């Protein structure tokens, strides 16, 4: 029963780990469920590819949206857990996560709107259908929103790692890998803003670092909890 309670740092950590594990699992599941959709061709081609696989496309959307809701819980729980270490940094990280989730929610609204347009276009006259398909295709090209959102998520992950390094809540190596993972989100996104080709080359390097950091913290929080003797103060730098 304590696993789903937030009466102590230990139970807060375990619940955060459980929710973060759900986020990771549904994100991976969405990759396998999501059909290959062509958003670079003509609007008519995009419409045809999505409507031909509408059910799996909607399922992948629902999985990712559910993951976002779980990550909102992760954000609140990590703030509660890390606030005693450094309230300002913990609050900054939480706000960054909320900004990323807000961008994701706005993108989700656009995506649902695009699906509605494509359904309407399937029964509309030719000229109106082409116009609806063109607008829908613009909404579905959410790569820019994704990269901007990843900057904020990177800040959240890196700040979480920093606070883990400053405390003895979990092994400090986990905090270090989290800082590296969060920083890789930020660096890759900014690289894509400045030089898209460079960002595209860096992107494959982010996934293993992110999975290692976030995965190790998730499992540690879920199965090991935190060092409750160190949960209320940062590690002292004095000798």
Protein backbone atom coordinates (compact mmCIF):
# COMPACT_ATOMS: atom_id res chain seq x y z
CA UNK A 1 0.00 0.00 0.00
CA UNK A 2 2.92 2.33 0.72
CA UNK A 3 3.99 1.97 -2.92
CA UNK A 4 1.13 4.28 -3.90
CA UNK A 5 1.44 6.68 -0.98
CA UNK A 6 3.35 9.96 -0.84
CA UNK A 7 3.57 10.12 2.95
CA UNK A 8 7.37 9.74 2.89
CA UNK A 9 10.29 10.39 0.48
CA UNK A 10 10.61 6.63 0.03
CA UNK A 11 7.03 6.14 -1.17
CA UNK A 12 7.15 9.36 -3.23
CA UNK A 13 10.23 8.01 -5.02
CA UNK A 14 8.62 4.63 -5.70
CA UNK A 15 5.48 6.20 -7.14
CA UNK A 16 7.58 8.52 -9.32
CA UNK A 17 9.50 5.47 -10.55
CA UNK A 18 6.29 3.58 -11.33
CA UNK A 19 4.88 6.49 -13.33
CA UNK A 20 8.17 7.06 -15.18
CA UNK A 21 8.28 3.37 -16.08
CA UNK A 22 4.80 3.71 -17.59
CA UNK A 23 6.02 6.72 -19.61
CA UNK A 24 8.96 4.71 -21.00
CA UNK A 25 6.84 1.63 -21.77
CA UNK A 26 4.04 3.49 -23.57
CA UNK A 27 6.56 5.58 -25.52
CA UNK A 28 8.28 2.44 -26.79
CA UNK A 29 4.92 0.78 -27.50
CA UNK A 30 3.79 3.79 -29.54
CA UNK A 31 6.83 3.38 -31.81
CA UNK A 32 5.75 -0.14 -32.73
CA UNK A 33 2.06 0.75 -33.02
CA UNK A 34 2.45 3.97 -34.99
CA UNK A 35 2.12 3.31 -38.74
CA UNK A 36 4.51 4.79 -41.27
CA UNK A 37 2.86 8.04 -42.36
CA UNK A 38 4.04 10.11 -45.30
CA UNK A 39 3.88 13.82 -44.39
CA UNK A 40 6.44 14.91 -46.98
CA UNK A 41 4.49 14.04 -50.09
CA UNK A 42 1.41 15.78 -51.45
CA UNK A 43 -1.48 16.58 -49.08
CA UNK A 44 -3.54 13.89 -50.80
CA UNK A 45 -0.81 11.29 -50.20
CA UNK A 46 -0.57 12.26 -46.54
CA UNK A 47 -4.34 12.00 -46.16
CA UNK A 48 -4.44 8.60 -47.82
CA UNK A 49 -1.61 7.14 -45.70
CA UNK A 50 -3.20 8.30 -42.44
CA UNK A 51 -6.79 7.30 -43.23
CA UNK A 52 -5.58 3.87 -44.39
CA UNK A 53 -4.13 3.25 -40.92
CA UNK A 54 -6.33 5.50 -38.81
CA UNK A 55 -6.91 3.07 -35.92
CA UNK A 56 -3.23 2.33 -35.16
CA UNK A 57 -2.44 6.01 -35.67
CA UNK A 58 -5.04 6.99 -33.07
CA UNK A 59 -3.84 4.25 -30.74
CA UNK A 60 -0.26 5.56 -30.91
CA UNK A 61 -1.59 9.06 -30.23
CA UNK A 62 -3.54 7.83 -27.19
CA UNK A 63 -0.48 6.01 -25.82
CA UNK A 64 1.71 9.09 -26.10
CA UNK A 65 -0.95 11.33 -24.57
CA UNK A 66 -1.39 8.92 -21.66
CA UNK A 67 2.37 8.97 -21.22
CA UNK A 68 2.29 12.76 -21.04
CA UNK A 69 -0.28 12.61 -18.25
CA UNK A 70 1.93 10.17 -16.36
CA UNK A 71 4.93 12.45 -16.87
CA UNK A 72 2.93 15.27 -15.32
CA UNK A 73 2.71 13.09 -12.21
CA UNK A 74 6.44 12.37 -12.42
CA UNK A 75 7.11 16.11 -12.53
CA UNK A 76 5.07 16.81 -9.40
CA UNK A 77 6.55 13.89 -7.47
CA UNK A 78 10.15 14.70 -8.40
CA UNK A 79 9.63 18.30 -7.36
CA UNK A 80 8.31 17.12 -3.98
CA UNK A 81 11.26 14.73 -3.63
CA UNK A 82 13.99 17.16 -4.71
CA UNK A 83 12.63 20.40 -3.26
CA UNK A 84 14.55 19.96 0.03
CA UNK A 85 17.85 19.70 -1.90
CA UNK A 86 17.45 23.02 -3.76
CA UNK A 87 13.99 24.49 -4.07
CA UNK A 88 14.92 26.98 -6.83
CA UNK A 89 16.50 24.37 -9.12
CA UNK A 90 13.68 21.88 -8.46
CA UNK A 91 11.08 24.55 -9.29
CA UNK A 92 12.96 25.56 -12.43
CA UNK A 93 13.03 21.96 -13.60
CA UNK A 94 9.34 21.47 -12.84
CA UNK A 95 8.38 24.61 -14.79
CA UNK A 96 10.53 23.44 -17.72
CA UNK A 97 8.72 20.11 -17.71
CA UNK A 98 5.34 21.87 -17.63
CA UNK A 99 6.40 24.02 -20.58
CA UNK A 100 7.36 20.91 -22.55
CA UNK A 101 4.07 19.21 -21.66
CA UNK A 102 2.14 22.32 -22.70
CA UNK A 103 3.85 22.32 -26.10
CA UNK A 104 3.03 18.63 -26.43
CA UNK A 105 -0.62 19.27 -25.51
CA UNK A 106 -0.88 22.05 -28.11
CA UNK A 107 0.63 19.72 -30.71
CA UNK A 108 -1.89 17.01 -29.70
CA UNK A 109 -4.79 19.42 -30.20
CA UNK A 110 -3.45 20.25 -33.68
CA UNK A 111 -3.12 16.55 -34.46
CA UNK A 112 -6.69 15.77 -33.47
CA UNK A 113 -7.86 18.76 -35.47
CA UNK A 114 -5.92 17.50 -38.49
CA UNK A 115 -7.56 14.07 -38.22
CA UNK A 116 -10.98 15.71 -38.12
CA UNK A 117 -10.10 17.75 -41.23
CA UNK A 118 -8.98 14.63 -43.09
CA UNK A 119 -12.22 12.84 -42.25
CA UNK A 120 -14.20 15.85 -43.49
CA UNK A 121 -12.05 16.08 -46.62
CA UNK A 122 -12.88 12.47 -47.52
CA UNK A 123 -16.49 13.49 -48.23
CA UNK A 124 -15.94 17.08 -49.39
CA UNK A 125 -15.81 18.46 -52.91
CA UNK A 126 -12.45 18.36 -54.67
CA UNK A 127 -11.41 21.98 -54.07
CA UNK A 128 -12.50 21.98 -50.42
CA UNK A 129 -10.90 18.56 -49.86
CA UNK A 130 -7.55 19.75 -51.19
CA UNK A 131 -7.67 22.81 -48.93
CA UNK A 132 -8.50 20.73 -45.85
CA UNK A 133 -5.80 18.19 -46.64
CA UNK A 134 -3.21 20.95 -47.07
CA UNK A 135 -4.04 22.51 -43.69
CA UNK A 136 -4.07 19.09 -42.02
CA UNK A 137 -0.65 18.25 -43.45
CA UNK A 138 0.80 21.46 -41.95
CA UNK A 139 -0.63 20.53 -38.53
CA UNK A 140 0.76 17.00 -38.78
CA UNK A 141 4.30 18.19 -39.48
CA UNK A 142 5.07 18.61 -35.79
CA UNK A 143 8.85 18.14 -35.92
CA UNK A 144 9.50 21.75 -34.85
CA UNK A 145 7.18 21.45 -31.85
CA UNK A 146 8.84 18.17 -30.88
CA UNK A 147 12.35 19.67 -30.91
CA UNK A 148 11.29 22.75 -28.95
CA UNK A 149 9.54 20.53 -26.42
CA UNK A 150 12.66 18.37 -26.07
CA UNK A 151 14.66 21.42 -24.98
CA UNK A 152 12.35 21.84 -22.00
CA UNK A 153 12.30 18.13 -21.21
CA UNK A 154 16.09 18.14 -21.45
CA UNK A 155 16.23 20.92 -18.88
CA UNK A 156 13.96 18.91 -16.56
CA UNK A 157 16.02 15.74 -16.89
CA UNK A 158 19.36 17.58 -16.52
CA UNK A 159 18.17 19.54 -13.47
CA UNK A 160 16.91 16.31 -11.90
CA UNK A 161 20.32 14.75 -12.49
CA UNK A 162 22.05 17.80 -11.02
CA UNK A 163 19.99 17.57 -7.85
CA UNK A 164 20.66 13.84 -7.63
CA UNK A 165 24.37 14.61 -7.88
CA UNK A 166 24.13 17.18 -5.10
CA UNK A 167 22.34 14.77 -2.80
CA UNK A 168 22.80 11.15 -1.80
CA UNK A 169 19.26 10.15 -2.67
CA UNK A 170 20.44 7.66 -5.31
CA UNK A 171 23.92 6.62 -6.52
CA UNK A 172 25.57 9.73 -7.93
CA UNK A 173 26.51 7.99 -11.18
CA UNK A 174 22.79 7.93 -12.05
CA UNK A 175 22.65 11.68 -11.58
CA UNK A 176 25.67 12.10 -13.84
CA UNK A 177 24.13 10.05 -16.64
CA UNK A 178 20.88 12.01 -16.27
CA UNK A 179 22.76 15.28 -16.68
CA UNK A 180 24.40 13.86 -19.81
CA UNK A 181 21.07 12.64 -21.17
CA UNK A 182 19.23 15.89 -20.51
CA UNK A 183 22.11 17.90 -21.98
CA UNK A 184 22.04 15.73 -25.11
CA UNK A 185 18.36 16.62 -25.64
CA UNK A 186 19.20 20.31 -25.43
CA UNK A 187 22.34 20.16 -27.58
CA UNK A 188 20.72 18.06 -30.31
CA UNK A 189 17.66 20.30 -30.47
CA UNK A 190 19.70 23.50 -30.72
CA UNK A 191 21.95 21.86 -33.31
CA UNK A 192 18.86 21.13 -35.40
CA UNK A 193 17.74 24.76 -35.03
CA UNK A 194 21.08 26.04 -36.34
CA UNK A 195 22.17 23.26 -38.69
CA UNK A 196 19.43 20.67 -39.32
CA UNK A 197 21.84 18.23 -40.97
CA UNK A 198 24.07 18.21 -37.88
CA UNK A 199 21.06 17.76 -35.60
CA UNK A 200 19.93 14.78 -37.69
CA UNK A 201 23.34 13.13 -37.25
CA UNK A 202 23.32 13.71 -33.50
CA UNK A 203 19.79 12.46 -32.91
CA UNK A 204 20.59 8.69 -32.96
CA UNK A 205 23.20 9.25 -30.23
CA UNK A 206 20.63 10.69 -27.80
CA UNK A 207 18.43 7.60 -27.42
CA UNK A 208 20.93 5.25 -25.71
CA UNK A 209 22.13 7.97 -23.31
CA UNK A 210 18.56 8.98 -22.46
CA UNK A 211 17.41 5.40 -21.96
CA UNK A 212 20.40 4.61 -19.76
CA UNK A 213 19.89 7.65 -17.53
CA UNK A 214 16.11 7.72 -17.30
CA UNK A 215 15.84 3.94 -17.25
CA UNK A 216 18.36 3.48 -14.45
CA UNK A 217 16.75 6.20 -12.32
CA UNK A 218 13.29 4.78 -12.96
CA UNK A 219 14.24 1.28 -11.88
CA UNK A 220 16.22 2.52 -8.88
CA UNK A 221 13.35 4.67 -7.62
CA UNK A 222 10.83 1.89 -8.17
CA UNK A 223 12.76 -1.02 -6.64
CA UNK A 224 15.30 0.64 -4.34
CA UNK A 225 13.64 3.91 -3.38
CA UNK A 226 15.91 6.62 -1.98
CA UNK A 227 18.37 7.04 0.83
CA UNK A 228 16.00 8.58 3.39
CA UNK A 229 18.92 9.68 5.58
CA UNK A 230 20.00 12.07 2.83
CA UNK A 231 16.62 13.15 1.48
CA UNK A 232 16.39 16.44 3.39
CA UNK A 233 19.77 17.98 2.66
CA UNK A 234 22.37 18.12 -0.12
CA UNK A 235 25.68 16.34 0.16
CA UNK A 236 28.17 18.51 1.97
CA UNK A 237 31.18 19.59 -0.04
CA UNK A 238 33.27 20.10 3.07
CA UNK A 239 35.86 17.54 4.06
